[in-house]
Amino acid sequence: MIPPTLGLLLAGGLARRMGGGDKPLRLIAGRTILAHVIERLAPQCESLLVNANGDPARFAAYGLPVVADSVPDFAGPLAGILAGLDWMAANRPELEWLVSVAADTPFIPHDLVARLHAAREAQNVPLACAASGGWTHPVIGLWPVRLREALRHALTVEDERKIDRWTARHGCASAEWPTVPVDPFFNANKPDDLAEAERLSASLPPA
C-alpha cells in the first residue's frame, strides 16, 4: 500500500540557461512542459501543488495551488520543498509525505511515487531520491512532513543549500530507473533541450 502523497512541482528557478522566464511553460509537442509533468504525476498523488515565486496568476490555467518560497533570495530547491511541506502541514494535515519533482522534467515515470516509497522502506530511512544513468537526482525526492522543522533550521540558521548534503544527515535511499528508451529525468535547461525533448516525446508511447 503506497502512503498517500502530495505532489510538489518545483517551478521556482530563475531559468538563467534558458534565457529567463518560466521553463515549465515552454512547449513540447504542442503542450507546456508543466502539462506533461502534471499528466504523469497527478495519478500517483492525492493532489498537486506548484512552488513558484512571482505572480502566481501565470499558472492559473492549471487550477493548482501555488506557493512561494518563504526563505528569501531564491534559496534553491530546498526552499521550495520547505514551502511545500509548510503548505501541506497547514492545508492537508492528514498527509505525511510529499514528493517533489522539477517542473521541467516532462518524462517523469509513472511508478515514481511507488518506487521511492519502496526504496525508503527497504533501507529503513526517511528520505528517498531518484537516480538514472549513474546519477542521482536529489530534486526528485520523497520527503516526510515530520522533518520540516529540521529543514527550516538548516535553511535559515545554517544557510544550507545543498540537497544531498542535507538528506545525507537523515538517511536517503535511491531508486534507479533505466535511461532507455528515454531518461525519465531528462530536463529542459537550455533552448537546445527543447528540440531534444520534442524528438524524445515523439518516440514515446502516449502517457
N, C-alpha and C. Protein backbone atom coordinates (compact mmCIF):
# COMPACT_ATOMS: atom_id res chain seq x y z
N MET A 1 0.85 -1.20 0.00
CA MET A 1 0.00 0.00 0.00
C MET A 1 0.88 1.25 0.00
N ILE A 2 0.71 2.10 -0.99
CA ILE A 2 1.52 3.32 -1.08
C ILE A 2 0.90 4.39 -0.17
N PRO A 3 1.67 4.97 0.74
CA PRO A 3 1.11 6.02 1.60
C PRO A 3 0.61 7.20 0.76
N PRO A 4 -0.52 7.80 1.13
CA PRO A 4 -1.00 8.99 0.40
C PRO A 4 0.08 10.07 0.38
N THR A 5 0.29 10.64 -0.80
CA THR A 5 1.44 11.52 -1.01
C THR A 5 1.00 12.75 -1.80
N LEU A 6 1.45 13.92 -1.37
CA LEU A 6 1.20 15.17 -2.10
C LEU A 6 2.32 15.39 -3.11
N GLY A 7 1.97 15.82 -4.32
CA GLY A 7 2.97 16.09 -5.34
C GLY A 7 3.31 17.57 -5.41
N LEU A 8 4.59 17.90 -5.38
CA LEU A 8 5.06 19.28 -5.44
C LEU A 8 5.83 19.49 -6.74
N LEU A 9 5.38 20.43 -7.56
CA LEU A 9 6.03 20.76 -8.83
C LEU A 9 6.91 21.98 -8.61
N LEU A 10 8.22 21.78 -8.65
CA LEU A 10 9.17 22.86 -8.36
C LEU A 10 9.38 23.71 -9.61
N ALA A 11 8.82 24.91 -9.58
CA ALA A 11 8.91 25.82 -10.73
C ALA A 11 9.48 27.17 -10.31
N GLY A 12 10.29 27.16 -9.26
CA GLY A 12 10.75 28.41 -8.68
C GLY A 12 12.11 28.88 -9.15
N GLY A 13 12.73 28.16 -10.11
CA GLY A 13 14.07 28.54 -10.55
C GLY A 13 14.09 29.79 -11.41
N LEU A 14 15.28 30.31 -11.62
CA LEU A 14 15.44 31.54 -12.41
C LEU A 14 15.64 31.28 -13.89
N ALA A 15 15.88 30.04 -14.29
CA ALA A 15 15.99 29.65 -15.71
C ALA A 15 17.03 30.47 -16.46
N ARG A 16 18.18 30.69 -15.84
CA ARG A 16 19.21 31.53 -16.49
C ARG A 16 19.68 30.91 -17.81
N ARG A 17 19.88 29.58 -17.81
CA ARG A 17 20.41 28.94 -19.03
C ARG A 17 19.38 28.91 -20.16
N MET A 18 18.10 29.08 -19.81
CA MET A 18 17.06 29.12 -20.83
C MET A 18 16.81 30.56 -21.28
N GLY A 19 17.53 31.51 -20.69
CA GLY A 19 17.33 32.91 -21.05
C GLY A 19 16.27 33.59 -20.21
N GLY A 20 15.94 33.00 -19.06
CA GLY A 20 14.93 33.59 -18.19
C GLY A 20 13.54 33.09 -18.51
N GLY A 21 12.57 33.57 -17.73
CA GLY A 21 11.20 33.13 -17.93
C GLY A 21 10.92 31.81 -17.23
N ASP A 22 9.76 31.26 -17.50
CA ASP A 22 9.33 30.03 -16.85
C ASP A 22 9.57 28.84 -17.76
N LYS A 23 10.58 28.04 -17.45
CA LYS A 23 10.85 26.85 -18.26
C LYS A 23 9.64 25.93 -18.36
N PRO A 24 8.90 25.71 -17.27
CA PRO A 24 7.79 24.76 -17.36
C PRO A 24 6.68 25.19 -18.33
N LEU A 25 6.68 26.47 -18.71
CA LEU A 25 5.64 26.95 -19.62
C LEU A 25 6.09 26.94 -21.08
N ARG A 26 7.32 26.46 -21.34
CA ARG A 26 7.74 26.25 -22.72
C ARG A 26 7.00 25.05 -23.30
N LEU A 27 6.90 25.01 -24.62
CA LEU A 27 6.09 23.98 -25.27
C LEU A 27 6.91 22.80 -25.77
N ILE A 28 6.35 21.61 -25.59
CA ILE A 28 6.85 20.37 -26.19
C ILE A 28 5.64 19.63 -26.75
N ALA A 29 5.72 19.28 -28.01
CA ALA A 29 4.61 18.56 -28.66
C ALA A 29 3.28 19.29 -28.48
N GLY A 30 3.34 20.61 -28.57
CA GLY A 30 2.14 21.42 -28.55
C GLY A 30 1.55 21.69 -27.17
N ARG A 31 2.20 21.18 -26.13
CA ARG A 31 1.71 21.43 -24.76
C ARG A 31 2.87 21.90 -23.89
N THR A 32 2.55 22.60 -22.83
CA THR A 32 3.61 23.06 -21.94
C THR A 32 4.28 21.86 -21.26
N ILE A 33 5.56 22.05 -20.90
CA ILE A 33 6.26 21.02 -20.15
C ILE A 33 5.50 20.71 -18.86
N LEU A 34 4.96 21.74 -18.22
CA LEU A 34 4.22 21.55 -16.98
C LEU A 34 3.02 20.65 -17.19
N ALA A 35 2.33 20.80 -18.31
CA ALA A 35 1.18 19.94 -18.59
C ALA A 35 1.60 18.48 -18.70
N HIS A 36 2.75 18.24 -19.31
CA HIS A 36 3.26 16.86 -19.40
C HIS A 36 3.54 16.30 -18.01
N VAL A 37 4.17 17.11 -17.16
CA VAL A 37 4.52 16.66 -15.82
C VAL A 37 3.25 16.35 -15.02
N ILE A 38 2.28 17.25 -15.09
CA ILE A 38 1.02 17.05 -14.37
C ILE A 38 0.34 15.76 -14.81
N GLU A 39 0.30 15.52 -16.10
CA GLU A 39 -0.36 14.33 -16.62
C GLU A 39 0.26 13.05 -16.05
N ARG A 40 1.56 13.05 -15.90
CA ARG A 40 2.24 11.85 -15.42
C ARG A 40 2.19 11.72 -13.89
N LEU A 41 2.25 12.85 -13.19
CA LEU A 41 2.36 12.78 -11.73
C LEU A 41 1.00 12.73 -11.03
N ALA A 42 0.00 13.39 -11.57
CA ALA A 42 -1.30 13.50 -10.88
C ALA A 42 -1.90 12.16 -10.49
N PRO A 43 -1.86 11.13 -11.35
CA PRO A 43 -2.46 9.86 -10.95
C PRO A 43 -1.75 9.18 -9.78
N GLN A 44 -0.53 9.61 -9.48
CA GLN A 44 0.26 8.99 -8.42
C GLN A 44 0.08 9.67 -7.06
N CYS A 45 -0.61 10.82 -7.05
CA CYS A 45 -0.64 11.66 -5.85
C CYS A 45 -2.07 11.97 -5.42
N GLU A 46 -2.22 12.33 -4.16
CA GLU A 46 -3.52 12.77 -3.64
C GLU A 46 -3.94 14.08 -4.29
N SER A 47 -3.00 14.98 -4.45
CA SER A 47 -3.23 16.26 -5.12
C SER A 47 -1.87 16.86 -5.44
N LEU A 48 -1.89 17.94 -6.23
CA LEU A 48 -0.65 18.58 -6.66
C LEU A 48 -0.59 20.03 -6.20
N LEU A 49 0.64 20.53 -6.07
CA LEU A 49 0.92 21.88 -5.62
C LEU A 49 2.09 22.40 -6.44
N VAL A 50 2.04 23.68 -6.82
CA VAL A 50 3.14 24.30 -7.56
C VAL A 50 3.93 25.21 -6.64
N ASN A 51 5.24 25.09 -6.66
CA ASN A 51 6.11 26.06 -5.98
C ASN A 51 6.68 27.00 -7.03
N ALA A 52 6.33 28.29 -6.91
CA ALA A 52 6.84 29.30 -7.85
C ALA A 52 6.83 30.65 -7.15
N ASN A 53 7.79 31.47 -7.53
CA ASN A 53 7.86 32.83 -6.99
C ASN A 53 7.34 33.81 -8.03
N GLY A 54 6.98 35.02 -7.59
CA GLY A 54 6.40 35.98 -8.52
C GLY A 54 4.89 35.82 -8.61
N ASP A 55 4.33 36.35 -9.68
CA ASP A 55 2.87 36.37 -9.85
C ASP A 55 2.34 34.95 -10.08
N PRO A 56 1.52 34.43 -9.15
CA PRO A 56 1.01 33.08 -9.33
C PRO A 56 -0.01 32.95 -10.46
N ALA A 57 -0.52 34.10 -10.95
CA ALA A 57 -1.57 34.05 -11.97
C ALA A 57 -1.10 33.38 -13.26
N ARG A 58 0.21 33.36 -13.51
CA ARG A 58 0.69 32.75 -14.74
C ARG A 58 0.47 31.24 -14.77
N PHE A 59 0.16 30.65 -13.61
CA PHE A 59 -0.14 29.23 -13.55
C PHE A 59 -1.63 28.96 -13.33
N ALA A 60 -2.46 29.99 -13.44
CA ALA A 60 -3.87 29.86 -13.10
C ALA A 60 -4.59 28.83 -13.95
N ALA A 61 -4.15 28.65 -15.20
CA ALA A 61 -4.84 27.74 -16.12
C ALA A 61 -4.81 26.30 -15.63
N TYR A 62 -3.89 25.96 -14.72
CA TYR A 62 -3.75 24.58 -14.27
C TYR A 62 -4.62 24.26 -13.05
N GLY A 63 -5.20 25.29 -12.43
CA GLY A 63 -6.11 25.07 -11.31
C GLY A 63 -5.48 24.48 -10.07
N LEU A 64 -4.18 24.72 -9.89
CA LEU A 64 -3.47 24.16 -8.74
C LEU A 64 -3.06 25.27 -7.77
N PRO A 65 -3.01 24.98 -6.48
CA PRO A 65 -2.47 25.97 -5.54
C PRO A 65 -1.02 26.29 -5.90
N VAL A 66 -0.64 27.55 -5.71
CA VAL A 66 0.74 27.98 -5.96
C VAL A 66 1.28 28.57 -4.67
N VAL A 67 2.43 28.08 -4.24
CA VAL A 67 3.04 28.56 -3.01
C VAL A 67 4.45 29.07 -3.33
N ALA A 68 4.77 30.23 -2.77
CA ALA A 68 6.10 30.83 -2.99
C ALA A 68 7.05 30.40 -1.87
N ASP A 69 8.36 30.57 -2.13
CA ASP A 69 9.36 30.31 -1.10
C ASP A 69 9.11 31.23 0.09
N SER A 70 9.30 30.70 1.30
CA SER A 70 9.26 31.55 2.49
C SER A 70 10.66 32.04 2.85
N VAL A 71 11.69 31.35 2.36
CA VAL A 71 13.07 31.78 2.55
C VAL A 71 13.42 32.72 1.40
N PRO A 72 13.95 33.92 1.67
CA PRO A 72 14.15 34.90 0.61
C PRO A 72 15.35 34.61 -0.29
N ASP A 73 15.42 35.39 -1.38
CA ASP A 73 16.60 35.43 -2.26
C ASP A 73 16.84 34.14 -3.03
N PHE A 74 15.77 33.50 -3.48
CA PHE A 74 15.89 32.31 -4.34
C PHE A 74 16.90 31.33 -3.76
N ALA A 75 16.53 30.76 -2.62
CA ALA A 75 17.44 29.90 -1.86
C ALA A 75 17.57 28.50 -2.45
N GLY A 76 16.93 28.24 -3.57
CA GLY A 76 17.10 26.95 -4.24
C GLY A 76 15.99 25.97 -3.94
N PRO A 77 16.14 24.74 -4.45
CA PRO A 77 15.06 23.75 -4.33
C PRO A 77 14.67 23.42 -2.89
N LEU A 78 15.62 23.43 -1.96
CA LEU A 78 15.26 23.13 -0.58
C LEU A 78 14.23 24.12 -0.04
N ALA A 79 14.32 25.38 -0.46
CA ALA A 79 13.34 26.38 -0.02
C ALA A 79 11.96 26.06 -0.60
N GLY A 80 11.92 25.60 -1.84
CA GLY A 80 10.65 25.21 -2.43
C GLY A 80 10.05 24.01 -1.73
N ILE A 81 10.90 23.06 -1.37
CA ILE A 81 10.43 21.86 -0.67
C ILE A 81 9.88 22.25 0.71
N LEU A 82 10.58 23.14 1.40
CA LEU A 82 10.08 23.61 2.70
C LEU A 82 8.72 24.30 2.53
N ALA A 83 8.58 25.13 1.51
CA ALA A 83 7.30 25.79 1.26
C ALA A 83 6.20 24.77 1.03
N GLY A 84 6.51 23.71 0.30
CA GLY A 84 5.53 22.66 0.07
C GLY A 84 5.15 21.93 1.35
N LEU A 85 6.14 21.61 2.17
CA LEU A 85 5.87 20.93 3.43
C LEU A 85 5.04 21.81 4.37
N ASP A 86 5.34 23.11 4.40
CA ASP A 86 4.56 24.02 5.24
C ASP A 86 3.12 24.12 4.75
N TRP A 87 2.94 24.20 3.43
CA TRP A 87 1.58 24.26 2.88
C TRP A 87 0.82 22.98 3.23
N MET A 88 1.48 21.85 3.11
CA MET A 88 0.85 20.57 3.40
C MET A 88 0.45 20.49 4.87
N ALA A 89 1.31 20.93 5.77
CA ALA A 89 1.01 20.89 7.20
C ALA A 89 -0.21 21.75 7.52
N ALA A 90 -0.35 22.88 6.81
CA ALA A 90 -1.46 23.80 7.09
C ALA A 90 -2.76 23.40 6.39
N ASN A 91 -2.64 22.81 5.19
CA ASN A 91 -3.82 22.59 4.36
C ASN A 91 -4.22 21.13 4.19
N ARG A 92 -3.26 20.22 4.31
CA ARG A 92 -3.55 18.79 4.20
C ARG A 92 -2.86 18.03 5.34
N PRO A 93 -3.26 18.36 6.59
CA PRO A 93 -2.54 17.80 7.74
C PRO A 93 -2.66 16.29 7.87
N GLU A 94 -3.61 15.69 7.14
CA GLU A 94 -3.73 14.24 7.20
C GLU A 94 -2.65 13.53 6.39
N LEU A 95 -1.95 14.27 5.54
CA LEU A 95 -0.89 13.67 4.71
C LEU A 95 0.46 13.76 5.41
N GLU A 96 1.27 12.73 5.26
CA GLU A 96 2.58 12.69 5.90
C GLU A 96 3.74 12.75 4.92
N TRP A 97 3.45 12.64 3.61
CA TRP A 97 4.51 12.53 2.62
C TRP A 97 4.32 13.50 1.47
N LEU A 98 5.44 14.03 1.01
CA LEU A 98 5.47 14.91 -0.15
C LEU A 98 6.51 14.37 -1.14
N VAL A 99 6.15 14.33 -2.41
CA VAL A 99 7.11 14.00 -3.45
C VAL A 99 7.36 15.26 -4.27
N SER A 100 8.62 15.57 -4.49
CA SER A 100 8.98 16.76 -5.27
C SER A 100 9.51 16.35 -6.63
N VAL A 101 9.13 17.10 -7.65
CA VAL A 101 9.69 16.90 -8.99
C VAL A 101 10.00 18.26 -9.59
N ALA A 102 11.02 18.30 -10.42
CA ALA A 102 11.31 19.52 -11.17
C ALA A 102 10.22 19.68 -12.23
N ALA A 103 9.68 20.87 -12.35
CA ALA A 103 8.56 21.10 -13.27
C ALA A 103 9.01 21.21 -14.72
N ASP A 104 10.32 20.97 -14.99
CA ASP A 104 10.81 20.98 -16.37
C ASP A 104 11.26 19.59 -16.80
N THR A 105 10.72 18.53 -16.15
CA THR A 105 11.06 17.14 -16.48
C THR A 105 9.83 16.46 -17.06
N PRO A 106 9.65 16.50 -18.38
CA PRO A 106 8.38 16.07 -18.98
C PRO A 106 8.16 14.57 -19.04
N PHE A 107 9.17 13.77 -18.70
CA PHE A 107 9.03 12.31 -18.85
C PHE A 107 9.06 11.56 -17.51
N ILE A 108 8.61 12.22 -16.45
CA ILE A 108 8.56 11.62 -15.12
C ILE A 108 7.92 10.22 -15.19
N PRO A 109 8.54 9.21 -14.55
CA PRO A 109 7.99 7.85 -14.67
C PRO A 109 6.66 7.68 -13.94
N HIS A 110 5.84 6.77 -14.46
CA HIS A 110 4.52 6.53 -13.89
C HIS A 110 4.58 5.80 -12.55
N ASP A 111 5.72 5.20 -12.23
CA ASP A 111 5.87 4.49 -10.97
C ASP A 111 6.78 5.23 -9.99
N LEU A 112 6.93 6.53 -10.18
CA LEU A 112 7.87 7.31 -9.36
C LEU A 112 7.55 7.20 -7.87
N VAL A 113 6.32 7.52 -7.49
CA VAL A 113 5.97 7.57 -6.07
C VAL A 113 6.07 6.19 -5.44
N ALA A 114 5.57 5.17 -6.13
CA ALA A 114 5.60 3.81 -5.59
C ALA A 114 7.03 3.34 -5.35
N ARG A 115 7.91 3.59 -6.29
CA ARG A 115 9.27 3.08 -6.17
C ARG A 115 10.09 3.88 -5.16
N LEU A 116 9.83 5.18 -5.02
CA LEU A 116 10.52 5.95 -3.99
C LEU A 116 10.12 5.47 -2.60
N HIS A 117 8.83 5.22 -2.40
CA HIS A 117 8.39 4.69 -1.11
C HIS A 117 9.01 3.32 -0.85
N ALA A 118 9.03 2.48 -1.86
CA ALA A 118 9.61 1.14 -1.69
C ALA A 118 11.08 1.22 -1.32
N ALA A 119 11.81 2.16 -1.93
CA ALA A 119 13.24 2.30 -1.65
C ALA A 119 13.49 2.73 -0.21
N ARG A 120 12.74 3.72 0.26
CA ARG A 120 12.98 4.17 1.64
C ARG A 120 12.56 3.12 2.65
N GLU A 121 11.49 2.37 2.33
CA GLU A 121 11.07 1.31 3.24
C GLU A 121 12.10 0.19 3.29
N ALA A 122 12.64 -0.17 2.13
CA ALA A 122 13.62 -1.26 2.07
C ALA A 122 14.88 -0.92 2.86
N GLN A 123 15.27 0.36 2.84
CA GLN A 123 16.50 0.76 3.53
C GLN A 123 16.24 1.35 4.92
N ASN A 124 14.94 1.43 5.28
CA ASN A 124 14.55 1.93 6.61
C ASN A 124 15.13 3.31 6.89
N VAL A 125 14.95 4.21 5.91
CA VAL A 125 15.38 5.60 6.06
C VAL A 125 14.18 6.51 5.74
N PRO A 126 14.23 7.78 6.16
CA PRO A 126 13.06 8.64 5.98
C PRO A 126 12.95 9.31 4.62
N LEU A 127 14.02 9.29 3.83
CA LEU A 127 14.05 10.04 2.57
C LEU A 127 14.41 9.12 1.42
N ALA A 128 14.01 9.53 0.21
CA ALA A 128 14.40 8.79 -0.99
C ALA A 128 14.51 9.76 -2.15
N CYS A 129 15.40 9.45 -3.10
CA CYS A 129 15.52 10.26 -4.31
C CYS A 129 15.67 9.34 -5.51
N ALA A 130 15.46 9.91 -6.68
CA ALA A 130 15.54 9.15 -7.93
C ALA A 130 16.97 9.14 -8.45
N ALA A 131 17.25 8.13 -9.28
CA ALA A 131 18.56 8.03 -9.93
C ALA A 131 18.36 7.42 -11.31
N SER A 132 19.27 7.77 -12.22
CA SER A 132 19.27 7.17 -13.56
C SER A 132 20.63 7.40 -14.19
N GLY A 133 21.06 6.46 -15.00
CA GLY A 133 22.31 6.62 -15.72
C GLY A 133 23.51 6.87 -14.83
N GLY A 134 23.49 6.34 -13.62
CA GLY A 134 24.61 6.54 -12.70
C GLY A 134 24.59 7.87 -11.96
N TRP A 135 23.55 8.66 -12.15
CA TRP A 135 23.44 9.97 -11.48
C TRP A 135 22.23 9.97 -10.56
N THR A 136 22.39 10.57 -9.39
CA THR A 136 21.22 10.79 -8.54
C THR A 136 20.59 12.13 -8.89
N HIS A 137 19.30 12.23 -8.63
CA HIS A 137 18.53 13.45 -8.92
C HIS A 137 17.89 13.90 -7.61
N PRO A 138 18.63 14.63 -6.78
CA PRO A 138 18.14 14.96 -5.44
C PRO A 138 16.83 15.75 -5.43
N VAL A 139 16.56 16.51 -6.50
CA VAL A 139 15.33 17.30 -6.54
C VAL A 139 14.10 16.41 -6.70
N ILE A 140 14.28 15.23 -7.32
CA ILE A 140 13.18 14.29 -7.50
C ILE A 140 13.18 13.40 -6.27
N GLY A 141 12.42 13.77 -5.24
CA GLY A 141 12.58 13.09 -3.97
C GLY A 141 11.31 12.97 -3.15
N LEU A 142 11.41 12.19 -2.11
CA LEU A 142 10.31 11.92 -1.19
C LEU A 142 10.68 12.47 0.17
N TRP A 143 9.74 13.23 0.77
CA TRP A 143 10.03 13.98 1.99
C TRP A 143 8.92 13.77 3.02
N PRO A 144 9.26 13.43 4.27
CA PRO A 144 8.25 13.33 5.32
C PRO A 144 8.02 14.71 5.96
N VAL A 145 6.78 15.04 6.21
CA VAL A 145 6.48 16.34 6.79
C VAL A 145 7.11 16.50 8.18
N ARG A 146 7.39 15.38 8.85
CA ARG A 146 7.95 15.47 10.20
C ARG A 146 9.36 16.06 10.21
N LEU A 147 10.03 16.13 9.06
CA LEU A 147 11.37 16.71 9.02
C LEU A 147 11.37 18.19 8.62
N ARG A 148 10.19 18.80 8.54
CA ARG A 148 10.18 20.17 8.01
C ARG A 148 10.86 21.17 8.94
N GLU A 149 10.78 20.98 10.25
CA GLU A 149 11.45 21.94 11.14
C GLU A 149 12.97 21.76 11.08
N ALA A 150 13.42 20.54 10.91
CA ALA A 150 14.86 20.32 10.72
C ALA A 150 15.33 20.98 9.43
N LEU A 151 14.50 20.90 8.39
CA LEU A 151 14.85 21.55 7.13
C LEU A 151 14.84 23.07 7.27
N ARG A 152 13.86 23.59 7.98
CA ARG A 152 13.80 25.04 8.19
C ARG A 152 15.06 25.53 8.91
N HIS A 153 15.49 24.80 9.93
CA HIS A 153 16.69 25.18 10.68
C HIS A 153 17.91 25.17 9.76
N ALA A 154 18.02 24.13 8.94
CA ALA A 154 19.16 24.05 8.03
C ALA A 154 19.20 25.22 7.06
N LEU A 155 18.04 25.61 6.57
CA LEU A 155 17.98 26.70 5.59
C LEU A 155 18.20 28.07 6.22
N THR A 156 17.54 28.32 7.33
CA THR A 156 17.52 29.69 7.88
C THR A 156 18.62 29.96 8.89
N VAL A 157 19.12 28.92 9.56
CA VAL A 157 20.17 29.11 10.56
C VAL A 157 21.54 28.73 10.01
N GLU A 158 21.59 27.59 9.31
CA GLU A 158 22.87 27.09 8.80
C GLU A 158 23.17 27.56 7.38
N ASP A 159 22.19 28.16 6.72
CA ASP A 159 22.35 28.60 5.33
C ASP A 159 22.71 27.43 4.41
N GLU A 160 22.15 26.26 4.70
CA GLU A 160 22.39 25.08 3.88
C GLU A 160 21.59 25.19 2.58
N ARG A 161 22.25 24.90 1.45
CA ARG A 161 21.58 24.98 0.15
C ARG A 161 21.69 23.67 -0.63
N LYS A 162 22.57 22.78 -0.24
CA LYS A 162 22.81 21.55 -0.99
C LYS A 162 21.84 20.45 -0.53
N ILE A 163 21.01 19.98 -1.45
CA ILE A 163 20.02 18.98 -1.08
C ILE A 163 20.69 17.71 -0.57
N ASP A 164 21.64 17.17 -1.34
CA ASP A 164 22.20 15.87 -0.96
C ASP A 164 23.00 15.92 0.33
N ARG A 165 23.55 17.09 0.64
CA ARG A 165 24.27 17.21 1.91
C ARG A 165 23.29 17.15 3.08
N TRP A 166 22.13 17.78 2.90
CA TRP A 166 21.13 17.75 3.98
C TRP A 166 20.49 16.37 4.11
N THR A 167 20.12 15.75 2.98
CA THR A 167 19.46 14.45 3.07
C THR A 167 20.39 13.39 3.65
N ALA A 168 21.70 13.52 3.41
CA ALA A 168 22.65 12.54 3.93
C ALA A 168 22.64 12.49 5.46
N ARG A 169 22.30 13.60 6.09
CA ARG A 169 22.25 13.63 7.55
C ARG A 169 21.19 12.68 8.09
N HIS A 170 20.10 12.57 7.36
CA HIS A 170 18.92 11.87 7.87
C HIS A 170 18.79 10.46 7.30
N GLY A 171 19.45 10.19 6.20
CA GLY A 171 19.34 8.90 5.55
C GLY A 171 18.46 8.97 4.32
N CYS A 172 19.04 8.73 3.17
CA CYS A 172 18.31 8.87 1.91
C CYS A 172 18.58 7.67 1.02
N ALA A 173 17.53 6.94 0.69
CA ALA A 173 17.63 5.83 -0.26
C ALA A 173 17.55 6.38 -1.68
N SER A 174 18.01 5.59 -2.64
CA SER A 174 17.83 5.99 -4.04
C SER A 174 17.17 4.85 -4.80
N ALA A 175 16.36 5.22 -5.76
CA ALA A 175 15.70 4.26 -6.65
C ALA A 175 16.17 4.55 -8.06
N GLU A 176 16.65 3.52 -8.75
CA GLU A 176 17.27 3.68 -10.07
C GLU A 176 16.27 3.34 -11.18
N TRP A 177 16.25 4.19 -12.21
CA TRP A 177 15.45 3.93 -13.40
C TRP A 177 16.36 3.77 -14.61
N PRO A 178 15.97 2.95 -15.59
CA PRO A 178 16.75 2.84 -16.82
C PRO A 178 16.64 4.10 -17.65
N THR A 179 17.61 4.32 -18.52
CA THR A 179 17.61 5.51 -19.38
C THR A 179 17.20 5.18 -20.81
N VAL A 180 16.74 3.96 -21.05
CA VAL A 180 16.30 3.52 -22.36
C VAL A 180 14.80 3.21 -22.30
N PRO A 181 13.99 3.68 -23.24
CA PRO A 181 14.39 4.44 -24.42
C PRO A 181 14.66 5.92 -24.15
N VAL A 182 14.20 6.41 -22.98
CA VAL A 182 14.38 7.82 -22.64
C VAL A 182 14.72 7.90 -21.16
N ASP A 183 15.66 8.78 -20.81
CA ASP A 183 15.92 9.04 -19.40
C ASP A 183 14.68 9.74 -18.82
N PRO A 184 13.99 9.12 -17.86
CA PRO A 184 12.75 9.72 -17.35
C PRO A 184 12.97 11.04 -16.61
N PHE A 185 14.23 11.35 -16.32
CA PHE A 185 14.52 12.58 -15.59
C PHE A 185 15.23 13.62 -16.47
N PHE A 186 15.13 13.42 -17.78
CA PHE A 186 15.61 14.44 -18.72
C PHE A 186 14.92 15.76 -18.38
N ASN A 187 15.72 16.83 -18.29
CA ASN A 187 15.09 18.13 -18.05
C ASN A 187 15.56 19.15 -19.07
N ALA A 188 14.69 20.07 -19.35
CA ALA A 188 14.94 21.09 -20.38
C ALA A 188 15.56 22.32 -19.72
N ASN A 189 16.88 22.41 -19.79
CA ASN A 189 17.60 23.53 -19.17
C ASN A 189 17.93 24.63 -20.17
N LYS A 190 18.24 24.23 -21.42
CA LYS A 190 18.71 25.17 -22.44
C LYS A 190 17.77 25.12 -23.64
N PRO A 191 17.79 26.16 -24.47
CA PRO A 191 16.92 26.14 -25.65
C PRO A 191 17.09 24.89 -26.51
N ASP A 192 18.33 24.40 -26.65
CA ASP A 192 18.55 23.18 -27.45
C ASP A 192 17.83 21.98 -26.86
N ASP A 193 17.65 21.98 -25.54
CA ASP A 193 16.99 20.84 -24.89
C ASP A 193 15.53 20.72 -25.31
N LEU A 194 14.92 21.85 -25.69
CA LEU A 194 13.52 21.80 -26.10
C LEU A 194 13.37 20.98 -27.39
N ALA A 195 14.30 21.17 -28.31
CA ALA A 195 14.27 20.38 -29.55
C ALA A 195 14.50 18.91 -29.27
N GLU A 196 15.42 18.61 -28.36
CA GLU A 196 15.68 17.22 -27.99
C GLU A 196 14.45 16.61 -27.31
N ALA A 197 13.81 17.37 -26.45
CA ALA A 197 12.61 16.87 -25.77
C ALA A 197 11.50 16.60 -26.78
N GLU A 198 11.40 17.46 -27.77
CA GLU A 198 10.39 17.25 -28.84
C GLU A 198 10.67 15.92 -29.55
N ARG A 199 11.94 15.67 -29.86
CA ARG A 199 12.30 14.42 -30.55
C ARG A 199 12.02 13.21 -29.67
N LEU A 200 12.38 13.30 -28.38
CA LEU A 200 12.16 12.19 -27.47
C LEU A 200 10.67 11.94 -27.27
N SER A 201 9.91 13.00 -27.18
CA SER A 201 8.46 12.86 -26.96
C SER A 201 7.82 12.09 -28.11
N ALA A 202 8.29 12.34 -29.33
CA ALA A 202 7.71 11.65 -30.49
C ALA A 202 8.03 10.17 -30.49
N SER A 203 9.08 9.76 -29.75
CA SER A 203 9.48 8.35 -29.74
C SER A 203 8.79 7.55 -28.66
N LEU A 204 8.04 8.22 -27.77
CA LEU A 204 7.42 7.53 -26.65
C LEU A 204 5.96 7.19 -26.95
N PRO A 205 5.45 6.12 -26.35
CA PRO A 205 4.03 5.84 -26.46
C PRO A 205 3.24 6.90 -25.70
N PRO A 206 1.96 7.06 -25.95
CA PRO A 206 1.17 8.06 -25.22
C PRO A 206 1.24 7.82 -23.72
N ALA A 207 1.27 8.92 -22.96
CA ALA A 207 1.37 8.82 -21.50
C ALA A 207 0.16 8.09 -20.91
